[in-house]
N, C-alpha and C. Protein backbone atom coordinates (compact mmCIF):
# COMPACT_ATOMS: atom_id res chain seq x y z
N UNK A 1 -5.51 11.82 -13.86
CA UNK A 1 -5.68 11.91 -12.88
C UNK A 1 -5.66 12.79 -12.05
N UNK A 2 -6.65 13.31 -10.72
CA UNK A 2 -6.63 14.22 -9.56
C UNK A 2 -6.02 13.99 -8.61
N UNK A 3 -5.34 15.14 -7.77
CA UNK A 3 -4.69 14.97 -6.62
C UNK A 3 -5.29 14.39 -5.86
N UNK A 4 -6.68 13.86 -5.33
CA UNK A 4 -7.00 13.45 -4.28
C UNK A 4 -6.74 11.24 -4.70
N UNK A 5 -6.67 11.04 -6.03
CA UNK A 5 -6.00 9.97 -5.56
C UNK A 5 -4.12 9.70 -6.97
N UNK A 6 -3.36 10.91 -6.63
CA UNK A 6 -2.53 10.70 -7.07
C UNK A 6 -1.55 9.50 -6.09
N UNK A 7 -1.18 8.37 -6.81
CA UNK A 7 -0.30 7.62 -5.84
C UNK A 7 0.19 8.21 -4.91
N UNK A 8 1.04 8.93 -5.57
CA UNK A 8 2.37 9.55 -4.33
C UNK A 8 1.83 10.17 -2.87
N UNK A 9 1.08 11.22 -3.56
CA UNK A 9 0.29 12.05 -2.41
C UNK A 9 -0.38 10.88 -1.68
N UNK A 10 -1.48 10.20 -2.40
CA UNK A 10 -1.93 9.22 -1.43
C UNK A 10 -0.81 8.30 -0.29
N UNK A 11 0.56 8.11 -0.78
CA UNK A 11 1.27 7.14 -0.47
C UNK A 11 1.45 8.32 1.33
N UNK A 12 1.57 9.51 0.70
CA UNK A 12 2.40 10.50 1.99
C UNK A 12 1.16 10.61 3.04
N UNK A 13 -0.12 10.76 2.47
CA UNK A 13 -1.31 10.29 3.03
C UNK A 13 -1.27 9.04 4.23
N UNK A 14 -1.32 8.23 3.44
CA UNK A 14 -1.36 6.81 4.19
C UNK A 14 0.06 6.81 5.01
N UNK A 15 1.31 7.23 5.01
CA UNK A 15 1.85 7.47 6.02
C UNK A 15 1.80 8.30 7.09
N UNK A 16 0.81 9.57 6.97
CA UNK A 16 0.43 10.45 8.25
C UNK A 16 -0.75 10.19 8.30
N UNK A 17 -1.17 9.36 8.06
CA UNK A 17 -2.82 8.86 8.65
C UNK A 17 -2.13 7.36 9.56
N UNK A 18 -1.40 6.72 9.03
CA UNK A 18 -0.46 5.38 9.99
C UNK A 18 0.12 6.64 11.23
N UNK A 19 0.96 7.33 11.11
CA UNK A 19 1.71 8.05 12.36
C UNK A 19 0.90 8.81 13.02
N UNK A 20 -0.09 9.33 12.53
CA UNK A 20 -0.95 10.40 13.29
C UNK A 20 -2.20 9.70 13.85
N UNK A 21 -2.77 9.23 13.12
CA UNK A 21 -4.26 8.60 13.54
C UNK A 21 -4.26 7.02 14.32
N UNK A 22 -3.01 6.64 14.60
CA UNK A 22 -3.19 5.21 15.36
C UNK A 22 -3.13 4.09 14.38
N UNK A 23 -2.10 4.50 13.56
CA UNK A 23 -2.32 2.73 12.38
C UNK A 23 -3.87 3.35 11.47
N UNK A 24 -4.00 4.28 10.99
CA UNK A 24 -5.45 4.63 10.44
C UNK A 24 -5.19 4.35 8.89
N UNK A 25 -6.55 3.94 8.69
CA UNK A 25 -6.72 4.13 7.16
C UNK A 25 -6.79 5.49 6.40
N UNK A 26 -5.76 6.13 5.38
CA UNK A 26 -6.61 6.72 4.75
C UNK A 26 -7.92 7.01 3.51
N UNK A 27 -8.22 5.57 3.49
CA UNK A 27 -8.99 5.06 2.23
C UNK A 27 -10.52 4.94 3.76
N UNK A 28 -10.54 4.23 4.43
CA UNK A 28 -11.85 4.25 5.23
C UNK A 28 -11.80 4.76 6.73
N UNK A 29 -10.65 5.35 7.30
CA UNK A 29 -11.01 6.29 8.32
C UNK A 29 -10.71 5.37 9.63
N UNK A 30 -10.57 3.72 9.22
CA UNK A 30 -10.65 2.43 10.57
C UNK A 30 -9.28 3.19 11.64
N UNK A 31 -9.28 3.10 12.80
CA UNK A 31 -7.83 3.36 13.16
C UNK A 31 -7.46 2.02 13.46
N UNK A 32 -6.16 1.46 13.94
CA UNK A 32 -5.73 0.15 14.00
C UNK A 32 -6.14 -1.15 13.40
N UNK A 33 -5.61 -0.60 12.10
CA UNK A 33 -5.86 -1.28 11.23
C UNK A 33 -5.05 -1.74 9.94
N UNK A 34 -3.81 -0.48 10.06
CA UNK A 34 -3.49 -0.63 8.90
C UNK A 34 -1.88 -1.11 9.11
N UNK A 35 -1.32 -2.21 8.26
CA UNK A 35 0.04 -2.77 9.11
C UNK A 35 1.60 -2.34 7.84
N UNK A 36 2.03 -1.61 8.09
CA UNK A 36 3.63 -0.91 7.51
C UNK A 36 4.28 -2.07 7.39
N UNK A 37 4.82 -2.18 6.27
CA UNK A 37 5.97 -2.85 6.36
C UNK A 37 7.33 -2.36 5.22
N UNK A 38 8.30 -2.40 5.36
CA UNK A 38 9.62 -2.41 4.56
C UNK A 38 10.48 -3.12 4.46
N UNK A 39 10.86 -3.41 3.78
CA UNK A 39 11.63 -4.31 2.64
C UNK A 39 12.07 -4.08 1.47
N UNK A 40 13.94 -4.51 1.13
CA UNK A 40 14.00 -4.48 0.05
C UNK A 40 13.43 -3.55 -0.55
N UNK A 41 14.04 -2.38 -0.51
CA UNK A 41 13.66 -0.99 -1.10
C UNK A 41 12.29 -0.76 -1.09
N UNK A 42 11.10 -1.47 -0.84
CA UNK A 42 9.63 -1.11 -1.20
C UNK A 42 9.08 -1.04 0.95
N UNK A 43 8.25 -0.09 0.66
CA UNK A 43 7.44 0.21 1.71
C UNK A 43 5.98 0.34 1.28
N UNK A 44 4.84 -0.14 2.32
CA UNK A 44 3.75 -0.61 1.96
C UNK A 44 2.90 -0.53 3.26
N UNK A 45 1.94 0.19 2.98
CA UNK A 45 0.64 0.52 3.76
C UNK A 45 -0.59 -0.34 3.42
N UNK A 46 -1.47 -1.28 4.22
CA UNK A 46 -1.91 -2.21 3.79
C UNK A 46 -3.14 -1.97 4.98
N UNK A 47 -4.46 -1.98 4.84
CA UNK A 47 -5.83 -1.89 5.67
C UNK A 47 -6.32 -3.21 5.92
N UNK A 48 -6.64 -4.00 6.73
CA UNK A 48 -7.27 -5.01 6.83
C UNK A 48 -8.27 -4.90 6.86
N UNK A 49 -8.85 -3.59 7.35
CA UNK A 49 -10.37 -3.47 7.25
C UNK A 49 -11.37 -3.33 6.13
N UNK A 50 -10.81 -2.64 5.04
CA UNK A 50 -11.16 -2.59 3.63
C UNK A 50 -10.45 -3.13 2.11
N UNK A 51 -8.86 -2.90 2.61
CA UNK A 51 -7.55 -4.20 1.93
C UNK A 51 -6.79 -2.89 0.98
N UNK A 52 -7.36 -1.49 1.15
CA UNK A 52 -6.68 -0.19 0.70
C UNK A 52 -5.08 -0.77 0.80
N UNK A 53 -4.41 -0.86 0.15
CA UNK A 53 -2.93 -0.56 -0.18
C UNK A 53 -2.22 0.40 -0.99
N UNK A 54 -1.33 0.73 -0.59
CA UNK A 54 -0.67 2.00 -1.04
C UNK A 54 0.91 1.78 -0.88
N UNK A 55 2.21 1.80 -2.01
CA UNK A 55 3.28 1.41 -1.77
C UNK A 55 4.20 2.18 -2.76
N UNK A 56 5.48 2.12 -2.45
CA UNK A 56 6.55 3.25 -2.87
C UNK A 56 7.80 2.03 -3.21
N UNK A 57 8.30 1.78 -4.13
CA UNK A 57 9.30 0.82 -4.70
C UNK A 57 9.96 1.53 -5.32
N UNK A 58 11.58 1.32 -5.15
CA UNK A 58 12.68 1.91 -6.23
C UNK A 58 12.47 1.43 -7.71
N UNK A 59 12.14 0.47 -8.23
CA UNK A 59 11.47 0.03 -9.80
C UNK A 59 10.07 0.53 -9.96
N UNK A 60 9.11 0.29 -8.92
CA UNK A 60 7.96 0.76 -9.79
C UNK A 60 6.90 2.12 -9.21
N UNK A 61 7.86 2.54 -8.98
CA UNK A 61 7.42 3.99 -8.21
C UNK A 61 6.27 3.80 -6.77
N UNK A 62 5.47 4.62 -7.43
CA UNK A 62 4.25 4.83 -6.18
C UNK A 62 2.87 3.93 -6.78
N UNK A 63 2.17 2.71 -6.08
CA UNK A 63 1.24 2.55 -6.52
C UNK A 63 0.14 2.06 -5.67
N UNK A 64 -1.12 1.91 -6.17
CA UNK A 64 -2.01 2.15 -5.25
C UNK A 64 -3.00 1.06 -5.82
N UNK A 65 -3.63 -0.14 -4.57
CA UNK A 65 -4.46 -1.22 -4.76
C UNK A 65 -4.71 -1.43 -4.06
N UNK A 66 -6.38 -2.24 -4.42
CA UNK A 66 -6.99 -3.02 -3.20
C UNK A 66 -6.85 -4.44 -3.32
N UNK A 67 -7.22 -4.93 -2.00
CA UNK A 67 -7.22 -6.45 -2.04
C UNK A 67 -8.37 -6.92 -1.10
N UNK A 68 -8.23 -8.12 -1.16
CA UNK A 68 -9.84 -8.65 0.02
C UNK A 68 -8.85 -8.46 1.43
N UNK A 69 -9.62 -7.99 2.53
CA UNK A 69 -9.28 -8.19 3.64
C UNK A 69 -8.80 -9.27 4.16
N UNK A 70 -9.66 -10.24 3.96
CA UNK A 70 -9.36 -12.13 4.36
C UNK A 70 -8.14 -12.41 3.69
N UNK A 71 -7.88 -11.96 2.48
CA UNK A 71 -6.57 -12.37 1.68
C UNK A 71 -4.89 -12.34 2.16
N UNK A 72 -5.19 -10.73 3.42
CA UNK A 72 -4.08 -10.48 3.49
C UNK A 72 -3.71 -11.43 5.34
N UNK A 73 -2.23 -12.05 5.02
CA UNK A 73 -1.75 -12.47 6.00
C UNK A 73 -0.76 -12.22 6.52
N UNK A 74 -0.39 -11.18 7.65
CA UNK A 74 1.27 -10.42 8.07
C UNK A 74 1.89 -11.58 8.85
N UNK A 75 1.55 -12.78 9.09
CA UNK A 75 2.58 -13.80 9.64
C UNK A 75 2.84 -14.10 8.79
N UNK A 76 2.62 -14.47 7.82
CA UNK A 76 3.33 -14.82 6.37
C UNK A 76 4.41 -13.88 5.66
N UNK A 77 5.75 -14.04 6.02
CA UNK A 77 6.81 -13.74 5.50
C UNK A 77 7.14 -13.61 3.84
N UNK A 78 6.27 -14.63 3.65
CA UNK A 78 7.18 -14.84 1.92
C UNK A 78 5.64 -14.58 1.13
N UNK A 79 4.59 -13.90 1.38
CA UNK A 79 3.57 -13.53 0.73
C UNK A 79 3.81 -12.58 0.03
N UNK A 80 3.85 -12.10 -1.04
CA UNK A 80 4.39 -11.02 -1.86
C UNK A 80 3.76 -9.77 -1.74
N UNK A 81 4.44 -8.42 -2.11
CA UNK A 81 3.93 -7.80 -1.29
C UNK A 81 3.41 -6.60 -2.55
N UNK A 82 2.28 -6.07 -2.97
CA UNK A 82 1.54 -5.07 -3.35
C UNK A 82 2.47 -4.92 -4.64
N UNK A 83 3.13 -4.52 -4.42
CA UNK A 83 4.84 -4.16 -5.55
C UNK A 83 5.27 -5.38 -6.57
N UNK A 84 5.29 -5.84 -5.67
CA UNK A 84 6.07 -7.34 -6.21
C UNK A 84 5.03 -8.27 -7.28
N UNK A 85 4.04 -7.88 -7.06
CA UNK A 85 2.59 -8.73 -7.82
C UNK A 85 2.79 -7.42 -9.13
N UNK A 86 2.88 -6.07 -8.89
CA UNK A 86 2.77 -5.04 -9.86
C UNK A 86 4.28 -5.07 -10.85
N UNK A 87 4.92 -5.25 -10.22
CA UNK A 87 6.32 -4.91 -10.88
C UNK A 87 6.67 -5.56 -12.15
N UNK A 88 5.78 -6.64 -12.26
CA UNK A 88 6.16 -7.65 -13.65
C UNK A 88 4.68 -7.37 -14.32
N UNK A 89 3.80 -6.21 -14.28
CA UNK A 89 2.80 -6.24 -15.34
C UNK A 89 3.18 -5.09 -16.19
N UNK A 90 3.20 -5.32 -17.55
CA UNK A 90 3.77 -4.73 -18.91
C UNK A 90 3.44 -3.28 -18.95
N UNK A 91 2.65 -2.88 -17.91
CA UNK A 91 2.54 -1.08 -17.98
C UNK A 91 3.10 -0.77 -17.22
N UNK A 92 3.31 -1.35 -16.49
CA UNK A 92 4.87 -0.77 -15.61
C UNK A 92 6.59 -1.03 -15.98
N UNK A 93 6.53 -1.94 -17.16
CA UNK A 93 7.78 -2.40 -17.34
C UNK A 93 7.80 -1.29 -18.80
N UNK A 94 6.52 -0.58 -19.18
CA UNK A 94 6.85 0.83 -20.11
C UNK A 94 6.14 -0.19 -21.80
N UNK A 95 5.54 -1.30 -21.48
CA UNK A 95 5.14 -2.28 -22.84
C UNK A 95 4.00 -1.96 -22.72
């Protein structure tokens, strides 16, 4: 894994792009397209333009992924986070 795609570094770069680039995406560079959420010890940045997601959670650490942009619904608070999807993955449980 290179430093460019290290999940921890991507998370911190996504936070900086969100903060300094008017909700910009670290992956596609578009502004005003990233949604930040924080709940239950999980923080995520999700881009509605390209589907890039990066998150940090107490149980799973740092995770990077992609979603279909049209599948993201910010008005639905019941929508599982990226980390909730992946925390049950055998690789993250050490299996």
